[in-house]
Amino acid sequence: MTENANPTPEANQDEEAARHVAEAHRKLSGLRQRLEKHPELEEAIANLEMALSILTTKTAGML
């Protein structure tokens, strides 16, 4: 059997999700570095990073 060279719609969605996650992480890291310490911002960033970590775990690292 030969492998299909065209990615499935699910694979395209996974790649798109991965790009969004990487971009969000980059932006959050940049905000953290540029802004003065702000407890609510730090908490929001930590919560988003935890959510991304959970999603990565639940999707077996496919994000």
N, C-alpha and C. Protein backbone atom coordinates (compact mmCIF):
# COMPACT_ATOMS: atom_id res chain seq x y z
N MET A 1 0.83 -1.19 0.00
CA MET A 1 0.00 0.00 0.00
C MET A 1 0.87 1.24 0.00
N THR A 2 0.42 2.24 -0.74
CA THR A 2 1.15 3.49 -0.73
C THR A 2 0.43 4.49 0.15
N GLU A 3 1.22 5.34 0.75
CA GLU A 3 0.68 6.36 1.64
C GLU A 3 0.18 7.54 0.81
N ASN A 4 -0.97 8.07 1.15
CA ASN A 4 -1.54 9.20 0.43
C ASN A 4 -0.71 10.45 0.70
N ALA A 5 -0.30 11.13 -0.38
CA ALA A 5 0.54 12.32 -0.23
C ALA A 5 -0.26 13.53 0.25
N ASN A 6 -1.57 13.49 0.08
CA ASN A 6 -2.42 14.60 0.51
C ASN A 6 -2.82 14.41 1.97
N PRO A 7 -2.55 15.41 2.80
CA PRO A 7 -2.93 15.28 4.22
C PRO A 7 -4.44 15.28 4.38
N THR A 8 -4.90 14.60 5.41
CA THR A 8 -6.33 14.54 5.69
C THR A 8 -6.79 15.87 6.29
N PRO A 9 -8.10 16.13 6.26
CA PRO A 9 -8.60 17.36 6.89
C PRO A 9 -8.22 17.44 8.37
N GLU A 10 -8.21 16.29 9.04
CA GLU A 10 -7.83 16.27 10.45
C GLU A 10 -6.37 16.67 10.63
N ALA A 11 -5.51 16.21 9.74
CA ALA A 11 -4.09 16.57 9.82
C ALA A 11 -3.92 18.07 9.59
N ASN A 12 -4.67 18.61 8.65
CA ASN A 12 -4.60 20.06 8.40
C ASN A 12 -5.07 20.83 9.62
N GLN A 13 -6.13 20.35 10.27
CA GLN A 13 -6.62 21.02 11.48
C GLN A 13 -5.60 20.93 12.60
N ASP A 14 -4.94 19.78 12.73
CA ASP A 14 -3.91 19.63 13.75
C ASP A 14 -2.77 20.60 13.52
N GLU A 15 -2.35 20.73 12.25
CA GLU A 15 -1.26 21.65 11.93
C GLU A 15 -1.67 23.09 12.20
N GLU A 16 -2.91 23.43 11.85
CA GLU A 16 -3.40 24.79 12.09
C GLU A 16 -3.47 25.06 13.60
N ALA A 17 -3.95 24.09 14.36
CA ALA A 17 -4.02 24.24 15.81
C ALA A 17 -2.62 24.42 16.39
N ALA A 18 -1.68 23.66 15.90
CA ALA A 18 -0.30 23.76 16.38
C ALA A 18 0.27 25.15 16.10
N ARG A 19 -0.04 25.70 14.92
CA ARG A 19 0.44 27.06 14.60
C ARG A 19 -0.19 28.08 15.54
N HIS A 20 -1.49 27.93 15.82
CA HIS A 20 -2.16 28.86 16.72
C HIS A 20 -1.57 28.78 18.13
N VAL A 21 -1.32 27.57 18.60
CA VAL A 21 -0.76 27.39 19.93
C VAL A 21 0.64 28.01 20.00
N ALA A 22 1.45 27.77 18.98
CA ALA A 22 2.81 28.33 18.96
C ALA A 22 2.76 29.86 18.95
N GLU A 23 1.86 30.43 18.16
CA GLU A 23 1.73 31.88 18.09
C GLU A 23 1.25 32.44 19.43
N ALA A 24 0.27 31.80 20.04
CA ALA A 24 -0.23 32.26 21.34
C ALA A 24 0.88 32.20 22.39
N HIS A 25 1.65 31.14 22.38
CA HIS A 25 2.74 31.00 23.35
C HIS A 25 3.78 32.10 23.13
N ARG A 26 4.09 32.39 21.88
CA ARG A 26 5.06 33.45 21.57
C ARG A 26 4.55 34.79 22.07
N LYS A 27 3.27 35.08 21.82
CA LYS A 27 2.71 36.36 22.25
C LYS A 27 2.65 36.48 23.77
N LEU A 28 2.25 35.40 24.43
CA LEU A 28 2.20 35.43 25.89
C LEU A 28 3.59 35.63 26.48
N SER A 29 4.57 34.95 25.93
CA SER A 29 5.94 35.11 26.42
C SER A 29 6.42 36.54 26.21
N GLY A 30 6.10 37.12 25.06
CA GLY A 30 6.49 38.50 24.78
C GLY A 30 5.82 39.47 25.73
N LEU A 31 4.53 39.27 26.00
CA LEU A 31 3.83 40.13 26.94
C LEU A 31 4.43 40.04 28.33
N ARG A 32 4.73 38.83 28.74
CA ARG A 32 5.31 38.63 30.08
C ARG A 32 6.63 39.39 30.20
N GLN A 33 7.43 39.39 29.16
CA GLN A 33 8.73 40.06 29.21
C GLN A 33 8.61 41.57 29.13
N ARG A 34 7.65 42.07 28.34
CA ARG A 34 7.53 43.52 28.11
C ARG A 34 6.80 44.25 29.22
N LEU A 35 5.81 43.63 29.80
CA LEU A 35 4.97 44.32 30.79
C LEU A 35 5.54 44.18 32.19
N GLU A 36 5.30 45.19 32.96
CA GLU A 36 5.69 45.12 34.36
C GLU A 36 4.88 44.01 35.03
N LYS A 37 5.38 43.54 36.13
CA LYS A 37 4.66 42.49 36.86
C LYS A 37 3.26 42.96 37.21
N HIS A 38 2.31 42.20 36.78
CA HIS A 38 0.91 42.49 37.07
C HIS A 38 0.27 41.17 37.49
N PRO A 39 -0.17 41.05 38.74
CA PRO A 39 -0.64 39.76 39.25
C PRO A 39 -1.75 39.12 38.41
N GLU A 40 -2.70 39.91 37.92
CA GLU A 40 -3.79 39.32 37.15
C GLU A 40 -3.30 38.83 35.79
N LEU A 41 -2.40 39.57 35.17
CA LEU A 41 -1.84 39.14 33.89
C LEU A 41 -1.03 37.86 34.08
N GLU A 42 -0.20 37.84 35.11
CA GLU A 42 0.58 36.63 35.39
C GLU A 42 -0.32 35.42 35.61
N GLU A 43 -1.42 35.62 36.34
CA GLU A 43 -2.35 34.52 36.60
C GLU A 43 -3.03 34.07 35.31
N ALA A 44 -3.43 35.00 34.47
CA ALA A 44 -4.08 34.66 33.19
C ALA A 44 -3.12 33.89 32.29
N ILE A 45 -1.88 34.33 32.21
CA ILE A 45 -0.88 33.65 31.39
C ILE A 45 -0.65 32.24 31.92
N ALA A 46 -0.52 32.10 33.24
CA ALA A 46 -0.31 30.78 33.84
C ALA A 46 -1.49 29.86 33.55
N ASN A 47 -2.72 30.39 33.63
CA ASN A 47 -3.90 29.58 33.35
C ASN A 47 -3.93 29.13 31.89
N LEU A 48 -3.60 30.02 30.97
CA LEU A 48 -3.58 29.66 29.56
C LEU A 48 -2.49 28.63 29.27
N GLU A 49 -1.33 28.79 29.88
CA GLU A 49 -0.26 27.81 29.68
C GLU A 49 -0.67 26.45 30.22
N MET A 50 -1.38 26.42 31.35
CA MET A 50 -1.85 25.15 31.90
C MET A 50 -2.87 24.51 30.96
N ALA A 51 -3.78 25.32 30.43
CA ALA A 51 -4.78 24.79 29.49
C ALA A 51 -4.11 24.22 28.25
N LEU A 52 -3.11 24.90 27.73
CA LEU A 52 -2.39 24.39 26.56
C LEU A 52 -1.67 23.09 26.89
N SER A 53 -1.11 23.01 28.08
CA SER A 53 -0.43 21.80 28.50
C SER A 53 -1.41 20.62 28.59
N ILE A 54 -2.58 20.88 29.15
CA ILE A 54 -3.60 19.83 29.27
C ILE A 54 -4.06 19.37 27.88
N LEU A 55 -4.30 20.33 26.98
CA LEU A 55 -4.70 19.97 25.62
C LEU A 55 -3.64 19.15 24.92
N THR A 56 -2.40 19.53 25.11
CA THR A 56 -1.30 18.77 24.50
C THR A 56 -1.29 17.34 25.02
N THR A 57 -1.48 17.19 26.33
CA THR A 57 -1.49 15.86 26.93
C THR A 57 -2.67 15.04 26.43
N LYS A 58 -3.84 15.65 26.37
CA LYS A 58 -5.05 14.92 25.94
C LYS A 58 -5.00 14.54 24.46
N THR A 59 -4.25 15.28 23.66
CA THR A 59 -4.16 14.96 22.23
C THR A 59 -2.87 14.20 21.92
N ALA A 60 -2.27 13.67 22.94
CA ALA A 60 -1.02 12.88 22.79
C ALA A 60 0.07 13.67 22.07
N GLY A 61 0.15 14.95 22.41
CA GLY A 61 1.22 15.77 21.84
C GLY A 61 0.99 16.17 20.41
N MET A 62 -0.22 16.02 19.90
CA MET A 62 -0.49 16.34 18.50
C MET A 62 -0.67 17.82 18.25
N LEU A 63 -0.62 18.67 19.29
CA LEU A 63 -0.73 20.11 19.07
C LEU A 63 0.62 20.71 18.83
